[in-house]
PDB file of N, CA and C in Angstrom:
ATOM      1  N   MET A   1       1.853  -2.634 -26.916  1.00  0.00           N
ATOM      2  CA  MET A   1       2.120  -1.711 -26.759  1.00  0.00           C
ATOM      3  C   MET A   1       3.159  -1.577 -25.358  1.00  0.00           C
ATOM      4  N   TRP A   2       3.380  -2.361 -24.779  1.00  0.00           N
ATOM      5  CA  TRP A   2       3.807  -2.947 -23.689  1.00  0.00           C
ATOM      6  C   TRP A   2       4.777  -4.224 -23.579  1.00  0.00           C
ATOM      7  N   ILE A   3       6.266  -4.246 -23.832  1.00  0.00           N
ATOM      8  CA  ILE A   3       7.021  -5.373 -24.033  1.00  0.00           C
ATOM      9  C   ILE A   3       7.655  -5.703 -22.439  1.00  0.00           C
ATOM     10  N   TYR A   4       7.184  -6.902 -21.949  1.00  0.00           N
ATOM     11  CA  TYR A   4       7.616  -7.353 -20.648  1.00  0.00           C
ATOM     12  C   TYR A   4       8.890  -8.276 -20.769  1.00  0.00           C
ATOM     13  N   GLU A   5      10.163  -8.106 -20.171  1.00  0.00           N
ATOM     14  CA  GLU A   5      10.904  -8.874 -20.028  1.00  0.00           C
ATOM     15  C   GLU A   5      11.245  -9.357 -18.449  1.00  0.00           C
ATOM     16  N   LYS A   6      11.222 -11.058 -18.394  1.00  0.00           N
ATOM     17  CA  LYS A   6      11.558 -11.050 -17.171  1.00  0.00           C
ATOM     18  C   LYS A   6      12.863 -11.536 -16.888  1.00  0.00           C
ATOM     19  N   LYS A   7      13.720 -10.002 -16.250  1.00  0.00           N
ATOM     20  CA  LYS A   7      14.885 -10.622 -16.001  1.00  0.00           C
ATOM     21  C   LYS A   7      15.282  -9.635 -15.349  1.00  0.00           C
ATOM     22  N   LEU A   8      16.406  -9.862 -14.770  1.00  0.00           N
ATOM     23  CA  LEU A   8      16.798  -9.005 -13.552  1.00  0.00           C
ATOM     24  C   LEU A   8      17.678  -7.897 -13.736  1.00  0.00           C
ATOM     25  N   GLN A   9      17.680  -6.697 -12.958  1.00  0.00           N
ATOM     26  CA  GLN A   9      18.879  -5.720 -13.264  1.00  0.00           C
ATOM     27  C   GLN A   9      20.062  -6.105 -13.164  1.00  0.00           C
ATOM     28  N   TYR A  10      20.297  -6.799 -11.521  1.00  0.00           N
ATOM     29  CA  TYR A  10      21.235  -7.293 -11.741  1.00  0.00           C
ATOM     30  C   TYR A  10      21.620  -8.920 -11.398  1.00  0.00           C
ATOM     31  N   PRO A  11      22.182  -9.299 -12.284  1.00  0.00           N
ATOM     32  CA  PRO A  11      21.910 -10.808 -12.304  1.00  0.00           C
ATOM     33  C   PRO A  11      22.547 -11.183 -11.167  1.00  0.00           C
ATOM     34  N   VAL A  12      21.881 -12.790 -10.606  1.00  0.00           N
ATOM     35  CA  VAL A  12      22.341 -13.165  -9.325  1.00  0.00           C
ATOM     36  C   VAL A  12      22.732 -14.534  -9.356  1.00  0.00           C
ATOM     37  N   LYS A  13      23.969 -15.229  -9.219  1.00  0.00           N
ATOM     38  CA  LYS A  13      24.339 -16.507  -9.059  1.00  0.00           C
ATOM     39  C   LYS A  13      24.611 -16.952  -7.264  1.00  0.00           C
ATOM     40  N   ILE A  14      23.651 -17.817  -7.002  1.00  0.00           N
ATOM     41  CA  ILE A  14      23.734 -18.263  -5.868  1.00  0.00           C
ATOM     42  C   ILE A  14      24.421 -19.546  -5.772  1.00  0.00           C
ATOM     43  N   LYS A  15      25.755 -19.498  -5.190  1.00  0.00           N
ATOM     44  CA  LYS A  15      26.446 -20.606  -5.048  1.00  0.00           C
ATOM     45  C   LYS A  15      26.205 -21.399  -3.833  1.00  0.00           C
ATOM     46  N   ASN A  16      25.701 -20.659  -2.785  1.00  0.00           N
ATOM     47  CA  ASN A  16      25.690 -21.405  -1.469  1.00  0.00           C
ATOM     48  C   ASN A  16      24.303 -20.975  -1.014  1.00  0.00           C
ATOM     49  N   PRO A  17      23.127 -21.733  -0.788  1.00  0.00           N
ATOM     50  CA  PRO A  17      21.832 -21.050   0.096  1.00  0.00           C
ATOM     51  C   PRO A  17      22.323 -21.191   1.217  1.00  0.00           C
ATOM     52  N   ASN A  18      21.804 -20.014   1.825  1.00  0.00           N
ATOM     53  CA  ASN A  18      21.818 -19.562   3.273  1.00  0.00           C
ATOM     54  C   ASN A  18      20.571 -19.267   3.950  1.00  0.00           C
ATOM     55  N   ALA A  19      19.558 -20.061   4.176  1.00  0.00           N
ATOM     56  CA  ALA A  19      18.191 -20.245   4.957  1.00  0.00           C
ATOM     57  C   ALA A  19      17.959 -19.094   6.033  1.00  0.00           C
ATOM     58  N   LYS A  20      19.204 -18.727   6.586  1.00  0.00           N
ATOM     59  CA  LYS A  20      19.139 -18.263   7.723  1.00  0.00           C
ATOM     60  C   LYS A  20      19.678 -16.667   7.256  1.00  0.00           C
ATOM     61  N   LEU A  21      19.992 -16.421   6.494  1.00  0.00           N
ATOM     62  CA  LEU A  21      19.977 -15.237   5.905  1.00  0.00           C
ATOM     63  C   LEU A  21      18.913 -14.814   4.976  1.00  0.00           C
ATOM     64  N   ALA A  22      18.176 -15.804   4.608  1.00  0.00           N
ATOM     65  CA  ALA A  22      17.431 -15.630   3.830  1.00  0.00           C
ATOM     66  C   ALA A  22      15.691 -15.377   4.479  1.00  0.00           C
ATOM     67  N   LYS A  23      15.847 -15.620   5.701  1.00  0.00           N
ATOM     68  CA  LYS A  23      14.369 -15.613   6.407  1.00  0.00           C
ATOM     69  C   LYS A  23      14.976 -13.996   6.988  1.00  0.00           C
ATOM     70  N   PHE A  24      16.418 -13.934   7.649  1.00  0.00           N
ATOM     71  CA  PHE A  24      16.678 -12.244   7.744  1.00  0.00           C
ATOM     72  C   PHE A  24      15.857 -11.370   6.870  1.00  0.00           C
ATOM     73  N   ILE A  25      16.241 -11.506   5.594  1.00  0.00           N
ATOM     74  CA  ILE A  25      16.169 -10.434   4.362  1.00  0.00           C
ATOM     75  C   ILE A  25      14.482 -10.355   4.549  1.00  0.00           C
ATOM     76  N   ILE A  26      13.804 -11.607   4.108  1.00  0.00           N
ATOM     77  CA  ILE A  26      12.218 -11.734   4.059  1.00  0.00           C
ATOM     78  C   ILE A  26      11.478 -11.012   5.421  1.00  0.00           C
ATOM     79  N   SER A  27      12.395 -11.236   6.674  1.00  0.00           N
ATOM     80  CA  SER A  27      11.342 -10.236   7.375  1.00  0.00           C
ATOM     81  C   SER A  27      11.838  -8.668   7.607  1.00  0.00           C
ATOM     82  N   GLN A  28      13.035  -8.579   6.831  1.00  0.00           N
ATOM     83  CA  GLN A  28      12.971  -6.966   6.882  1.00  0.00           C
ATOM     84  C   GLN A  28      11.969  -6.647   5.725  1.00  0.00           C
ATOM     85  N   LEU A  29      11.659  -7.250   4.939  1.00  0.00           N
ATOM     86  CA  LEU A  29      10.814  -6.626   4.028  1.00  0.00           C
ATOM     87  C   LEU A  29       9.357  -6.909   4.283  1.00  0.00           C
ATOM     88  N   GLY A  30       8.937  -7.840   4.763  1.00  0.00           N
ATOM     89  CA  GLY A  30       7.431  -8.105   4.950  1.00  0.00           C
ATOM     90  C   GLY A  30       7.001  -8.364   6.265  1.00  0.00           C
ATOM     91  N   GLY A  31       8.168  -8.605   7.261  1.00  0.00           N
ATOM     92  CA  GLY A  31       7.812  -8.883   8.930  1.00  0.00           C
ATOM     93  C   GLY A  31       7.088  -7.829   9.596  1.00  0.00           C
ATOM     94  N   PRO A  32       7.155  -7.698  10.872  1.00  0.00           N
ATOM     95  CA  PRO A  32       6.222  -6.833  11.850  1.00  0.00           C
ATOM     96  C   PRO A  32       7.195  -5.191  11.604  1.00  0.00           C
ATOM     97  N   ASP A  33       8.673  -5.508  11.513  1.00  0.00           N
ATOM     98  CA  ASP A  33       9.062  -4.385  11.491  1.00  0.00           C
ATOM     99  C   ASP A  33       9.563  -4.283   9.930  1.00  0.00           C
ATOM    100  N   GLY A  34       9.086  -4.664   8.997  1.00  0.00           N
ATOM    101  CA  GLY A  34       9.689  -4.301   7.906  1.00  0.00           C
ATOM    102  C   GLY A  34       9.068  -2.962   6.834  1.00  0.00           C
ATOM    103  N   GLU A  35       9.471  -2.904   5.830  1.00  0.00           N
ATOM    104  CA  GLU A  35       9.298  -1.762   5.006  1.00  0.00           C
ATOM    105  C   GLU A  35       7.682  -1.854   4.631  1.00  0.00           C
ATOM    106  N   LEU A  36       6.990  -2.812   4.314  1.00  0.00           N
ATOM    107  CA  LEU A  36       5.690  -2.731   4.276  1.00  0.00           C
ATOM    108  C   LEU A  36       4.659  -2.312   5.573  1.00  0.00           C
ATOM    109  N   SER A  37       4.738  -2.989   6.562  1.00  0.00           N
ATOM    110  CA  SER A  37       4.229  -2.772   7.799  1.00  0.00           C
ATOM    111  C   SER A  37       4.667  -1.473   8.267  1.00  0.00           C
ATOM    112  N   ALA A  38       5.823  -0.628   8.148  1.00  0.00           N
ATOM    113  CA  ALA A  38       5.977   0.747   8.106  1.00  0.00           C
ATOM    114  C   ALA A  38       5.116   1.403   7.294  1.00  0.00           C
ATOM    115  N   SER A  39       4.853   1.215   6.064  1.00  0.00           N
ATOM    116  CA  SER A  39       3.933   2.282   5.090  1.00  0.00           C
ATOM    117  C   SER A  39       2.953   2.095   5.559  1.00  0.00           C
ATOM    118  N   MET A  40       2.223   1.066   6.020  1.00  0.00           N
ATOM    119  CA  MET A  40       0.963   0.911   6.097  1.00  0.00           C
ATOM    120  C   MET A  40       0.373   1.971   7.716  1.00  0.00           C
ATOM    121  N   ARG A  41       1.644   1.462   8.441  1.00  0.00           N
ATOM    122  CA  ARG A  41       1.534   2.302   9.842  1.00  0.00           C
ATOM    123  C   ARG A  41       1.272   3.934   9.331  1.00  0.00           C
ATOM    124  N   TYR A  42       2.348   4.189   8.876  1.00  0.00           N
ATOM    125  CA  TYR A  42       2.351   6.052   8.349  1.00  0.00           C
ATOM    126  C   TYR A  42       0.922   6.078   7.664  1.00  0.00           C
ATOM    127  N   LEU A  43       0.180   5.623   6.517  1.00  0.00           N
ATOM    128  CA  LEU A  43      -0.873   5.846   5.880  1.00  0.00           C
ATOM    129  C   LEU A  43      -1.893   5.656   6.615  1.00  0.00           C
ATOM    130  N   ASN A  44      -2.109   4.691   7.582  1.00  0.00           N
ATOM    131  CA  ASN A  44      -3.385   4.820   8.389  1.00  0.00           C
ATOM    132  C   ASN A  44      -3.220   6.032   9.436  1.00  0.00           C
ATOM    133  N   GLN A  45      -1.865   6.242   9.934  1.00  0.00           N
ATOM    134  CA  GLN A  45      -2.076   7.022  10.864  1.00  0.00           C
ATOM    135  C   GLN A  45      -1.827   8.734  10.350  1.00  0.00           C
ATOM    136  N   ARG A  46      -2.553   8.910   9.187  1.00  0.00           N
ATOM    137  CA  ARG A  46      -2.158  10.222   8.263  1.00  0.00           C
ATOM    138  C   ARG A  46      -4.057  10.252   8.932  1.00  0.00           C
ATOM    139  N   TYR A  47      -4.910   9.719   8.869  1.00  0.00           N
ATOM    140  CA  TYR A  47      -6.402   9.688   8.953  1.00  0.00           C
ATOM    141  C   TYR A  47      -6.435  10.280  10.315  1.00  0.00           C
ATOM    142  N   THR A  48      -5.695  10.034  11.452  1.00  0.00           N
ATOM    143  CA  THR A  48      -6.011  10.784  12.532  1.00  0.00           C
ATOM    144  C   THR A  48      -5.255  11.992  12.859  1.00  0.00           C
ATOM    145  N   ALA A  49      -4.362  12.052  12.118  1.00  0.00           N
ATOM    146  CA  ALA A  49      -3.302  13.221  12.610  1.00  0.00           C
ATOM    147  C   ALA A  49      -4.418  14.571  12.727  1.00  0.00           C
ATOM    148  N   PRO A  50      -4.029  15.718  13.376  1.00  0.00           N
ATOM    149  CA  PRO A  50      -4.836  16.596  13.823  1.00  0.00           C
ATOM    150  C   PRO A  50      -4.749  17.746  12.583  1.00  0.00           C
ATOM    151  N   TYR A  51      -3.668  17.893  12.125  1.00  0.00           N
ATOM    152  CA  TYR A  51      -3.276  19.083  11.262  1.00  0.00           C
ATOM    153  C   TYR A  51      -2.922  18.598   9.788  1.00  0.00           C
ATOM    154  N   PRO A  52      -3.712  19.489   8.959  1.00  0.00           N
ATOM    155  CA  PRO A  52      -3.538  19.228   7.562  1.00  0.00           C
ATOM    156  C   PRO A  52      -1.889  18.629   6.987  1.00  0.00           C
ATOM    157  N   GLN A  53      -1.048  19.779   8.095  1.00  0.00           N
ATOM    158  CA  GLN A  53       0.238  19.396   7.254  1.00  0.00           C
ATOM    159  C   GLN A  53       0.711  18.188   7.839  1.00  0.00           C
ATOM    160  N   ALA A  54       0.387  17.735   9.022  1.00  0.00           N
ATOM    161  CA  ALA A  54       0.746  16.385   9.747  1.00  0.00           C
ATOM    162  C   ALA A  54       0.532  15.033   8.559  1.00  0.00           C
ATOM    163  N   GLN A  55      -0.807  15.436   8.174  1.00  0.00           N
ATOM    164  CA  GLN A  55      -1.475  14.431   7.385  1.00  0.00           C
ATOM    165  C   GLN A  55      -0.713  14.458   5.968  1.00  0.00           C
ATOM    166  N   ALA A  56      -0.052  15.109   5.464  1.00  0.00           N
ATOM    167  CA  ALA A  56       0.336  15.766   4.426  1.00  0.00           C
ATOM    168  C   ALA A  56       2.049  14.548   4.424  1.00  0.00           C
ATOM    169  N   ILE A  57       2.735  15.130   5.716  1.00  0.00           N
ATOM    170  CA  ILE A  57       3.644  14.559   5.797  1.00  0.00           C
ATOM    171  C   ILE A  57       3.587  12.970   6.212  1.00  0.00           C
ATOM    172  N   MET A  58       2.358  12.613   6.925  1.00  0.00           N
ATOM    173  CA  MET A  58       2.441  10.831   7.081  1.00  0.00           C
ATOM    174  C   MET A  58       1.964  10.285   5.661  1.00  0.00           C
ATOM    175  N   ASN A  59       1.431  11.112   4.861  1.00  0.00           N
ATOM    176  CA  ASN A  59       1.140  10.587   3.293  1.00  0.00           C
ATOM    177  C   ASN A  59       2.307  10.392   2.507  1.00  0.00           C
ATOM    178  N   ASP A  60       3.219  11.625   2.565  1.00  0.00           N
ATOM    179  CA  ASP A  60       4.641  11.508   1.996  1.00  0.00           C
ATOM    180  C   ASP A  60       5.394  10.249   2.571  1.00  0.00           C
ATOM    181  N   ILE A  61       5.614  10.023   3.573  1.00  0.00           N
ATOM    182  CA  ILE A  61       6.590   8.992   4.323  1.00  0.00           C
ATOM    183  C   ILE A  61       6.038   7.760   3.951  1.00  0.00           C
ATOM    184  N   GLY A  62       4.893   7.710   4.164  1.00  0.00           N
ATOM    185  CA  GLY A  62       4.255   6.042   3.517  1.00  0.00           C
ATOM    186  C   GLY A  62       4.570   5.610   2.563  1.00  0.00           C
ATOM    187  N   THR A  63       4.138   6.909   1.429  1.00  0.00           N
ATOM    188  CA  THR A  63       4.404   6.795   0.147  1.00  0.00           C
ATOM    189  C   THR A  63       5.726   6.587  -0.221  1.00  0.00           C
ATOM    190  N   GLU A  64       6.667   7.046   0.412  1.00  0.00           N
ATOM    191  CA  GLU A  64       8.449   6.671   0.001  1.00  0.00           C
ATOM    192  C   GLU A  64       8.407   5.573   0.608  1.00  0.00           C
ATOM    193  N   GLU A  65       8.019   4.946   2.006  1.00  0.00           N
ATOM    194  CA  GLU A  65       8.420   3.957   2.286  1.00  0.00           C
ATOM    195  C   GLU A  65       7.647   2.803   1.390  1.00  0.00           C
ATOM    196  N   LEU A  66       6.718   2.378   0.571  1.00  0.00           N
ATOM    197  CA  LEU A  66       6.465   1.667  -0.432  1.00  0.00           C
ATOM    198  C   LEU A  66       7.261   1.587  -1.568  1.00  0.00           C
ATOM    199  N   ALA A  67       7.824   2.856  -1.765  1.00  0.00           N
ATOM    200  CA  ALA A  67       8.990   3.109  -2.839  1.00  0.00           C
ATOM    201  C   ALA A  67      10.078   2.242  -2.746  1.00  0.00           C
ATOM    202  N   ARG A  68      10.727   2.345  -1.660  1.00  0.00           N
ATOM    203  CA  ARG A  68      11.878   1.213  -1.204  1.00  0.00           C
ATOM    204  C   ARG A  68      11.655  -0.174  -1.454  1.00  0.00           C
TER     205      ARG A  68
END
């Protein structure tokens, strides 16, 4: 039913590894100020929002953050 091919959309060839840059990139994705943290904050705040419109906006923003 599904065929899974493990390949990158854009192939990457690393000539010189850069640990400092790698640490920065990982912190932007999963660190305290990263995309995952932001999406979880939005999705948790929707439960305490006082108006249904605010809850919907928080849900939309949190979902969009997860999609990035």
